[in-house]
Structure formats: structure tokens, C-alpha cells
């Protein structure tokens, strides 16, 4: 993907709910409009990130993909994320 992230989170090897929790912490440190790229290996992260973004008005799931047992997410921060 051509999108250039502002920060990268390597959550590979972490199990639910750690990929999402670490992503929320990383987003809290980013400026509004910044993009976080997350790499995870936990299959549950697919639904976790979908649910998180669906319940939040503060983040946008710009893109996500699955490749070779790895899940990749590009998340843009909107208003204040806590």
C-alpha cells in the first residue's frame, strides 16, 4: 500500500486484547490526522479493530489487509483518542 504511516506498531506475536490495547496507546500519542500502521498475527484482531473503529467517532480505518497469516491495519486518528 502506498499510504505512508506516521507511526508503526508491531503487534505480531501478541494475543487478544493486546494488539488493540497497544494500538489505542499509540493513537493517543499521535496528532490528529496522523496514520498508525499496525501489524498483527492474532486472527481475533480483525474483528477487534473493526469493532473498535465502528464504535469510535475518533478514528478511521483507512485500510486493512490479510497476507500470509499477518493482519495489517492503517488507522487515521481523528479527534482526541483516549
PDB file of N, CA and C in Angstrom:
ATOM      1  N   UNK A   1       0.844  -1.180   0.000  1.00  0.00           N
ATOM      2  CA  UNK A   1       0.000   0.000   0.000  1.00  0.00           C
ATOM      3  C   UNK A   1       0.883   1.234   0.000  1.00  0.00           C
ATOM      4  N   UNK A   2       0.495   2.268  -0.718  1.00  0.00           N
ATOM      5  CA  UNK A   2       1.295   3.476  -0.883  1.00  0.00           C
ATOM      6  C   UNK A   2       1.150   4.459   0.286  1.00  0.00           C
ATOM      7  N   UNK A   3       0.187   4.271   1.136  1.00  0.00           N
ATOM      8  CA  UNK A   3      -0.039   5.169   2.266  1.00  0.00           C
ATOM      9  C   UNK A   3       1.151   5.141   3.212  1.00  0.00           C
ATOM     10  N   UNK A   4       1.688   6.305   3.543  1.00  0.00           N
ATOM     11  CA  UNK A   4       2.834   6.397   4.443  1.00  0.00           C
ATOM     12  C   UNK A   4       2.350   6.674   5.867  1.00  0.00           C
ATOM     13  N   UNK A   5       2.591   5.749   6.780  1.00  0.00           N
ATOM     14  CA  UNK A   5       2.145   5.950   8.154  1.00  0.00           C
ATOM     15  C   UNK A   5       3.041   6.936   8.901  1.00  0.00           C
ATOM     16  N   UNK A   6       2.473   7.535   9.927  1.00  0.00           N
ATOM     17  CA  UNK A   6       3.232   8.423  10.805  1.00  0.00           C
ATOM     18  C   UNK A   6       3.893   7.638  11.928  1.00  0.00           C
ATOM     19  N   UNK A   7       3.350   6.467  12.226  1.00  0.00           N
ATOM     20  CA  UNK A   7       3.917   5.599  13.264  1.00  0.00           C
ATOM     21  C   UNK A   7       3.598   4.147  12.904  1.00  0.00           C
ATOM     22  N   UNK A   8       4.436   3.236  13.382  1.00  0.00           N
ATOM     23  CA  UNK A   8       4.280   1.813  13.106  1.00  0.00           C
ATOM     24  C   UNK A   8       4.230   1.062  14.435  1.00  0.00           C
ATOM     25  N   UNK A   9       3.267   0.158  14.552  1.00  0.00           N
ATOM     26  CA  UNK A   9       3.145  -0.694  15.731  1.00  0.00           C
ATOM     27  C   UNK A   9       3.278  -2.144  15.297  1.00  0.00           C
ATOM     28  N   UNK A  10       4.290  -2.811  15.801  1.00  0.00           N
ATOM     29  CA  UNK A  10       4.487  -4.223  15.523  1.00  0.00           C
ATOM     30  C   UNK A  10       3.881  -5.013  16.676  1.00  0.00           C
ATOM     31  N   UNK A  11       2.663  -5.515  16.459  1.00  0.00           N
ATOM     32  CA  UNK A  11       1.958  -6.284  17.482  1.00  0.00           C
ATOM     33  C   UNK A  11       1.959  -7.772  17.135  1.00  0.00           C
ATOM     34  N   UNK A  12       2.861  -8.179  16.260  1.00  0.00           N
ATOM     35  CA  UNK A  12       2.942  -9.587  15.883  1.00  0.00           C
ATOM     36  C   UNK A  12       3.370 -10.403  17.099  1.00  0.00           C
ATOM     37  N   UNK A  13       2.705 -11.543  17.275  1.00  0.00           N
ATOM     38  CA  UNK A  13       3.004 -12.421  18.404  1.00  0.00           C
ATOM     39  C   UNK A  13       2.194 -12.110  19.650  1.00  0.00           C
ATOM     40  N   UNK A  14       1.509 -10.982  19.666  1.00  0.00           N
ATOM     41  CA  UNK A  14       0.669 -10.627  20.817  1.00  0.00           C
ATOM     42  C   UNK A  14      -0.733 -11.183  20.614  1.00  0.00           C
ATOM     43  N   UNK A  15      -1.361 -11.572  21.707  1.00  0.00           N
ATOM     44  CA  UNK A  15      -2.695 -12.156  21.640  1.00  0.00           C
ATOM     45  C   UNK A  15      -3.714 -11.177  22.198  1.00  0.00           C
ATOM     46  N   UNK A  16      -4.947 -11.376  21.791  1.00  0.00           N
ATOM     47  CA  UNK A  16      -6.089 -10.557  22.191  1.00  0.00           C
ATOM     48  C   UNK A  16      -6.094 -10.374  23.716  1.00  0.00           C
ATOM     49  N   UNK A  17      -6.283  -9.178  24.191  1.00  0.00           N
ATOM     50  CA  UNK A  17      -6.623  -7.937  23.515  1.00  0.00           C
ATOM     51  C   UNK A  17      -5.423  -7.006  23.292  1.00  0.00           C
ATOM     52  N   UNK A  18      -4.203  -7.521  23.459  1.00  0.00           N
ATOM     53  CA  UNK A  18      -3.015  -6.658  23.427  1.00  0.00           C
ATOM     54  C   UNK A  18      -2.814  -5.877  22.122  1.00  0.00           C
ATOM     55  N   UNK A  19      -3.031  -6.451  20.928  1.00  0.00           N
ATOM     56  CA  UNK A  19      -2.836  -5.625  19.728  1.00  0.00           C
ATOM     57  C   UNK A  19      -3.710  -4.367  19.736  1.00  0.00           C
ATOM     58  N   UNK A  20      -4.963  -4.515  20.118  1.00  0.00           N
ATOM     59  CA  UNK A  20      -5.860  -3.360  20.161  1.00  0.00           C
ATOM     60  C   UNK A  20      -5.458  -2.386  21.270  1.00  0.00           C
ATOM     61  N   UNK A  21      -5.131  -2.889  22.439  1.00  0.00           N
ATOM     62  CA  UNK A  21      -4.744  -2.002  23.544  1.00  0.00           C
ATOM     63  C   UNK A  21      -3.489  -1.201  23.198  1.00  0.00           C
ATOM     64  N   UNK A  22      -2.516  -1.847  22.599  1.00  0.00           N
ATOM     65  CA  UNK A  22      -1.292  -1.145  22.217  1.00  0.00           C
ATOM     66  C   UNK A  22      -1.563  -0.145  21.094  1.00  0.00           C
ATOM     67  N   UNK A  23      -2.472  -0.473  20.192  1.00  0.00           N
ATOM     68  CA  UNK A  23      -2.844   0.467  19.129  1.00  0.00           C
ATOM     69  C   UNK A  23      -3.526   1.700  19.719  1.00  0.00           C
ATOM     70  N   UNK A  24      -4.399   1.503  20.684  1.00  0.00           N
ATOM     71  CA  UNK A  24      -5.063   2.639  21.329  1.00  0.00           C
ATOM     72  C   UNK A  24      -4.046   3.533  22.032  1.00  0.00           C
ATOM     73  N   UNK A  25      -3.044   2.932  22.679  1.00  0.00           N
ATOM     74  CA  UNK A  25      -1.987   3.719  23.332  1.00  0.00           C
ATOM     75  C   UNK A  25      -1.186   4.503  22.295  1.00  0.00           C
ATOM     76  N   UNK A  26      -0.860   3.867  21.186  1.00  0.00           N
ATOM     77  CA  UNK A  26      -0.092   4.537  20.127  1.00  0.00           C
ATOM     78  C   UNK A  26      -0.903   5.672  19.519  1.00  0.00           C
ATOM     79  N   UNK A  27      -2.185   5.464  19.282  1.00  0.00           N
ATOM     80  CA  UNK A  27      -3.033   6.515  18.727  1.00  0.00           C
ATOM     81  C   UNK A  27      -3.120   7.715  19.665  1.00  0.00           C
ATOM     82  N   UNK A  28      -3.144   7.474  20.959  1.00  0.00           N
ATOM     83  CA  UNK A  28      -3.233   8.557  21.938  1.00  0.00           C
ATOM     84  C   UNK A  28      -2.009   9.478  21.862  1.00  0.00           C
ATOM     85  N   UNK A  29      -0.885   8.947  21.421  1.00  0.00           N
ATOM     86  CA  UNK A  29       0.345   9.752  21.319  1.00  0.00           C
ATOM     87  C   UNK A  29       0.448  10.523  20.000  1.00  0.00           C
ATOM     88  N   UNK A  30      -0.389  10.171  19.034  1.00  0.00           N
ATOM     89  CA  UNK A  30      -0.301  10.787  17.708  1.00  0.00           C
ATOM     90  C   UNK A  30      -1.136  12.056  17.605  1.00  0.00           C
ATOM     91  N   UNK A  31      -0.749  12.898  16.678  1.00  0.00           N
ATOM     92  CA  UNK A  31      -1.512  14.117  16.392  1.00  0.00           C
ATOM     93  C   UNK A  31      -2.742  13.774  15.559  1.00  0.00           C
ATOM     94  N   UNK A  32      -3.739  14.630  15.617  1.00  0.00           N
ATOM     95  CA  UNK A  32      -4.933  14.470  14.797  1.00  0.00           C
ATOM     96  C   UNK A  32      -4.540  14.418  13.320  1.00  0.00           C
ATOM     97  N   UNK A  33      -5.110  13.470  12.605  1.00  0.00           N
ATOM     98  CA  UNK A  33      -4.820  13.310  11.186  1.00  0.00           C
ATOM     99  C   UNK A  33      -3.695  12.337  10.892  1.00  0.00           C
ATOM    100  N   UNK A  34      -2.954  11.943  11.920  1.00  0.00           N
ATOM    101  CA  UNK A  34      -1.837  11.017  11.733  1.00  0.00           C
ATOM    102  C   UNK A  34      -2.357   9.600  11.474  1.00  0.00           C
ATOM    103  N   UNK A  35      -1.528   8.810  10.787  1.00  0.00           N
ATOM    104  CA  UNK A  35      -1.893   7.439  10.452  1.00  0.00           C
ATOM    105  C   UNK A  35      -0.975   6.465  11.186  1.00  0.00           C
ATOM    106  N   UNK A  36      -1.595   5.482  11.828  1.00  0.00           N
ATOM    107  CA  UNK A  36      -0.880   4.411  12.519  1.00  0.00           C
ATOM    108  C   UNK A  36      -0.987   3.146  11.676  1.00  0.00           C
ATOM    109  N   UNK A  37       0.148   2.505  11.445  1.00  0.00           N
ATOM    110  CA  UNK A  37       0.189   1.228  10.737  1.00  0.00           C
ATOM    111  C   UNK A  37       0.433   0.139  11.763  1.00  0.00           C
ATOM    112  N   UNK A  38      -0.461  -0.841  11.817  1.00  0.00           N
ATOM    113  CA  UNK A  38      -0.370  -1.921  12.798  1.00  0.00           C
ATOM    114  C   UNK A  38      -0.197  -3.252  12.068  1.00  0.00           C
ATOM    115  N   UNK A  39       0.766  -4.041  12.543  1.00  0.00           N
ATOM    116  CA  UNK A  39       0.958  -5.404  12.050  1.00  0.00           C
ATOM    117  C   UNK A  39       0.637  -6.347  13.207  1.00  0.00           C
ATOM    118  N   UNK A  40      -0.235  -7.334  12.957  1.00  0.00           N
ATOM    119  CA  UNK A  40      -0.628  -8.279  13.999  1.00  0.00           C
ATOM    120  C   UNK A  40      -0.715  -9.683  13.415  1.00  0.00           C
ATOM    121  N   UNK A  41      -0.600 -10.668  14.282  1.00  0.00           N
ATOM    122  CA  UNK A  41      -0.746 -12.057  13.856  1.00  0.00           C
ATOM    123  C   UNK A  41      -1.950 -12.727  14.504  1.00  0.00           C
ATOM    124  N   UNK A  42      -2.581 -12.073  15.438  1.00  0.00           N
ATOM    125  CA  UNK A  42      -3.749 -12.628  16.116  1.00  0.00           C
ATOM    126  C   UNK A  42      -4.978 -12.504  15.205  1.00  0.00           C
ATOM    127  N   UNK A  43      -5.584 -13.618  14.784  1.00  0.00           N
ATOM    128  CA  UNK A  43      -6.759 -13.551  13.914  1.00  0.00           C
ATOM    129  C   UNK A  43      -7.914 -12.772  14.537  1.00  0.00           C
ATOM    130  N   UNK A  44      -7.998 -12.758  15.866  1.00  0.00           N
ATOM    131  CA  UNK A  44      -9.047 -12.004  16.546  1.00  0.00           C
ATOM    132  C   UNK A  44      -8.923 -10.505  16.368  1.00  0.00           C
ATOM    133  N   UNK A  45      -7.741 -10.048  15.983  1.00  0.00           N
ATOM    134  CA  UNK A  45      -7.547  -8.606  15.790  1.00  0.00           C
ATOM    135  C   UNK A  45      -8.407  -8.075  14.643  1.00  0.00           C
ATOM    136  N   UNK A  46      -8.729  -8.931  13.681  1.00  0.00           N
ATOM    137  CA  UNK A  46      -9.547  -8.498  12.535  1.00  0.00           C
ATOM    138  C   UNK A  46     -10.886  -7.953  13.030  1.00  0.00           C
ATOM    139  N   UNK A  47     -11.541  -8.719  13.878  1.00  0.00           N
ATOM    140  CA  UNK A  47     -12.829  -8.299  14.434  1.00  0.00           C
ATOM    141  C   UNK A  47     -12.645  -7.205  15.485  1.00  0.00           C
ATOM    142  N   UNK A  48     -11.592  -7.301  16.301  1.00  0.00           N
ATOM    143  CA  UNK A  48     -11.348  -6.291  17.341  1.00  0.00           C
ATOM    144  C   UNK A  48     -11.203  -4.897  16.749  1.00  0.00           C
ATOM    145  N   UNK A  49     -10.388  -4.767  15.704  1.00  0.00           N
ATOM    146  CA  UNK A  49     -10.170  -3.447  15.104  1.00  0.00           C
ATOM    147  C   UNK A  49     -11.430  -2.950  14.399  1.00  0.00           C
ATOM    148  N   UNK A  50     -12.158  -3.851  13.753  1.00  0.00           N
ATOM    149  CA  UNK A  50     -13.403  -3.486  13.098  1.00  0.00           C
ATOM    150  C   UNK A  50     -14.405  -2.936  14.117  1.00  0.00           C
ATOM    151  N   UNK A  51     -14.531  -3.623  15.241  1.00  0.00           N
ATOM    152  CA  UNK A  51     -15.454  -3.198  16.290  1.00  0.00           C
ATOM    153  C   UNK A  51     -15.019  -1.873  16.901  1.00  0.00           C
ATOM    154  N   UNK A  52     -13.744  -1.739  17.214  1.00  0.00           N
ATOM    155  CA  UNK A  52     -13.205  -0.505  17.797  1.00  0.00           C
ATOM    156  C   UNK A  52     -13.497   0.694  16.910  1.00  0.00           C
ATOM    157  N   UNK A  53     -13.188   0.577  15.641  1.00  0.00           N
ATOM    158  CA  UNK A  53     -13.409   1.690  14.716  1.00  0.00           C
ATOM    159  C   UNK A  53     -14.905   1.974  14.551  1.00  0.00           C
ATOM    160  N   UNK A  54     -15.714   0.915  14.510  1.00  0.00           N
ATOM    161  CA  UNK A  54     -17.156   1.092  14.367  1.00  0.00           C
ATOM    162  C   UNK A  54     -17.805   1.779  15.551  1.00  0.00           C
ATOM    163  N   UNK A  55     -17.210   1.642  16.726  1.00  0.00           N
ATOM    164  CA  UNK A  55     -17.767   2.237  17.937  1.00  0.00           C
ATOM    165  C   UNK A  55     -17.149   3.589  18.276  1.00  0.00           C
ATOM    166  N   UNK A  56     -16.186   4.014  17.486  1.00  0.00           N
ATOM    167  CA  UNK A  56     -15.482   5.256  17.775  1.00  0.00           C
ATOM    168  C   UNK A  56     -15.728   6.287  16.686  1.00  0.00           C
ATOM    169  N   UNK A  57     -15.930   7.518  17.098  1.00  0.00           N
ATOM    170  CA  UNK A  57     -16.028   8.619  16.146  1.00  0.00           C
ATOM    171  C   UNK A  57     -14.672   9.284  15.957  1.00  0.00           C
ATOM    172  N   UNK A  58     -13.654   8.753  16.636  1.00  0.00           N
ATOM    173  CA  UNK A  58     -12.359   9.414  16.694  1.00  0.00           C
ATOM    174  C   UNK A  58     -11.286   8.786  15.814  1.00  0.00           C
ATOM    175  N   UNK A  59     -11.601   7.672  15.166  1.00  0.00           N
ATOM    176  CA  UNK A  59     -10.621   7.009  14.313  1.00  0.00           C
ATOM    177  C   UNK A  59     -11.284   6.528  13.030  1.00  0.00           C
ATOM    178  N   UNK A  60     -10.475   6.379  12.004  1.00  0.00           N
ATOM    179  CA  UNK A  60     -10.949   5.879  10.720  1.00  0.00           C
ATOM    180  C   UNK A  60     -10.054   4.719  10.291  1.00  0.00           C
ATOM    181  N   UNK A  61     -10.663   3.622   9.921  1.00  0.00           N
ATOM    182  CA  UNK A  61      -9.912   2.500   9.373  1.00  0.00           C
ATOM    183  C   UNK A  61      -9.723   2.785   7.891  1.00  0.00           C
ATOM    184  N   UNK A  62      -8.545   3.304   7.551  1.00  0.00           N
ATOM    185  CA  UNK A  62      -8.258   3.714   6.182  1.00  0.00           C
ATOM    186  C   UNK A  62      -8.178   2.489   5.281  1.00  0.00           C
ATOM    187  N   UNK A  63      -7.536   1.446   5.781  1.00  0.00           N
ATOM    188  CA  UNK A  63      -7.383   0.221   5.010  1.00  0.00           C
ATOM    189  C   UNK A  63      -6.984  -0.910   5.946  1.00  0.00           C
ATOM    190  N   UNK A  64      -7.252  -2.128   5.499  1.00  0.00           N
ATOM    191  CA  UNK A  64      -6.768  -3.306   6.211  1.00  0.00           C
ATOM    192  C   UNK A  64      -6.586  -4.420   5.197  1.00  0.00           C
ATOM    193  N   UNK A  65      -5.655  -5.309   5.511  1.00  0.00           N
ATOM    194  CA  UNK A  65      -5.406  -6.430   4.615  1.00  0.00           C
ATOM    195  C   UNK A  65      -4.886  -7.617   5.403  1.00  0.00           C
ATOM    196  N   UNK A  66      -5.081  -8.778   4.831  1.00  0.00           N
ATOM    197  CA  UNK A  66      -4.561 -10.016   5.410  1.00  0.00           C
ATOM    198  C   UNK A  66      -3.630 -10.633   4.385  1.00  0.00           C
ATOM    199  N   UNK A  67      -2.428 -10.971   4.817  1.00  0.00           N
ATOM    200  CA  UNK A  67      -1.446 -11.578   3.918  1.00  0.00           C
ATOM    201  C   UNK A  67      -0.552 -12.514   4.716  1.00  0.00           C
ATOM    202  N   UNK A  68      -0.508 -13.768   4.310  1.00  0.00           N
ATOM    203  CA  UNK A  68       0.404 -14.744   4.903  1.00  0.00           C
ATOM    204  C   UNK A  68       0.317 -14.784   6.428  1.00  0.00           C
ATOM    205  N   UNK A  69      -0.877 -14.974   6.950  1.00  0.00           N
ATOM    206  CA  UNK A  69      -1.103 -15.072   8.402  1.00  0.00           C
ATOM    207  C   UNK A  69      -0.723 -13.813   9.164  1.00  0.00           C
ATOM    208  N   UNK A  70      -0.726 -12.687   8.475  1.00  0.00           N
ATOM    209  CA  UNK A  70      -0.461 -11.401   9.119  1.00  0.00           C
ATOM    210  C   UNK A  70      -1.593 -10.453   8.761  1.00  0.00           C
ATOM    211  N   UNK A  71      -1.998  -9.667   9.730  1.00  0.00           N
ATOM    212  CA  UNK A  71      -3.090  -8.712   9.556  1.00  0.00           C
ATOM    213  C   UNK A  71      -2.497  -7.319   9.652  1.00  0.00           C
ATOM    214  N   UNK A  72      -2.854  -6.472   8.700  1.00  0.00           N
ATOM    215  CA  UNK A  72      -2.265  -5.126   8.625  1.00  0.00           C
ATOM    216  C   UNK A  72      -3.379  -4.094   8.596  1.00  0.00           C
ATOM    217  N   UNK A  73      -3.200  -3.059   9.396  1.00  0.00           N
ATOM    218  CA  UNK A  73      -4.225  -2.026   9.543  1.00  0.00           C
ATOM    219  C   UNK A  73      -3.588  -0.642   9.406  1.00  0.00           C
ATOM    220  N   UNK A  74      -4.284   0.247   8.709  1.00  0.00           N
ATOM    221  CA  UNK A  74      -3.898   1.644   8.623  1.00  0.00           C
ATOM    222  C   UNK A  74      -5.048   2.419   9.255  1.00  0.00           C
ATOM    223  N   UNK A  75      -4.762   3.075  10.371  1.00  0.00           N
ATOM    224  CA  UNK A  75      -5.793   3.759  11.144  1.00  0.00           C
ATOM    225  C   UNK A  75      -5.440   5.239  11.268  1.00  0.00           C
ATOM    226  N   UNK A  76      -6.383   6.089  10.867  1.00  0.00           N
ATOM    227  CA  UNK A  76      -6.158   7.537  10.965  1.00  0.00           C
ATOM    228  C   UNK A  76      -6.838   8.066  12.226  1.00  0.00           C
ATOM    229  N   UNK A  77      -6.092   8.859  12.966  1.00  0.00           N
ATOM    230  CA  UNK A  77      -6.616   9.458  14.189  1.00  0.00           C
ATOM    231  C   UNK A  77      -7.398  10.702  13.837  1.00  0.00           C
ATOM    232  N   UNK A  78      -8.582  10.797  14.444  1.00  0.00           N
ATOM    233  CA  UNK A  78      -9.421  11.980  14.270  1.00  0.00           C
ATOM    234  C   UNK A  78      -9.280  12.885  15.480  1.00  0.00           C
ATOM    235  N   UNK A  79     -10.372  13.102  16.178  1.00  0.00           N
ATOM    236  CA  UNK A  79     -10.357  13.929  17.386  1.00  0.00           C
ATOM    237  C   UNK A  79      -9.634  13.177  18.496  1.00  0.00           C
ATOM    238  N   UNK A  80      -9.666  13.724  19.682  1.00  0.00           N
ATOM    239  CA  UNK A  80      -8.930  13.135  20.817  1.00  0.00           C
ATOM    240  C   UNK A  80      -9.299  11.689  21.058  1.00  0.00           C
ATOM    241  N   UNK A  81      -8.309  10.824  21.070  1.00  0.00           N
ATOM    242  CA  UNK A  81      -8.499   9.406  21.366  1.00  0.00           C
ATOM    243  C   UNK A  81      -7.936   9.159  22.752  1.00  0.00           C
ATOM    244  N   UNK A  82      -8.748   8.546  23.614  1.00  0.00           N
ATOM    245  CA  UNK A  82      -8.295   8.274  24.972  1.00  0.00           C
ATOM    246  C   UNK A  82      -8.217   6.785  25.214  1.00  0.00           C
TER     247      UNK A  82
END
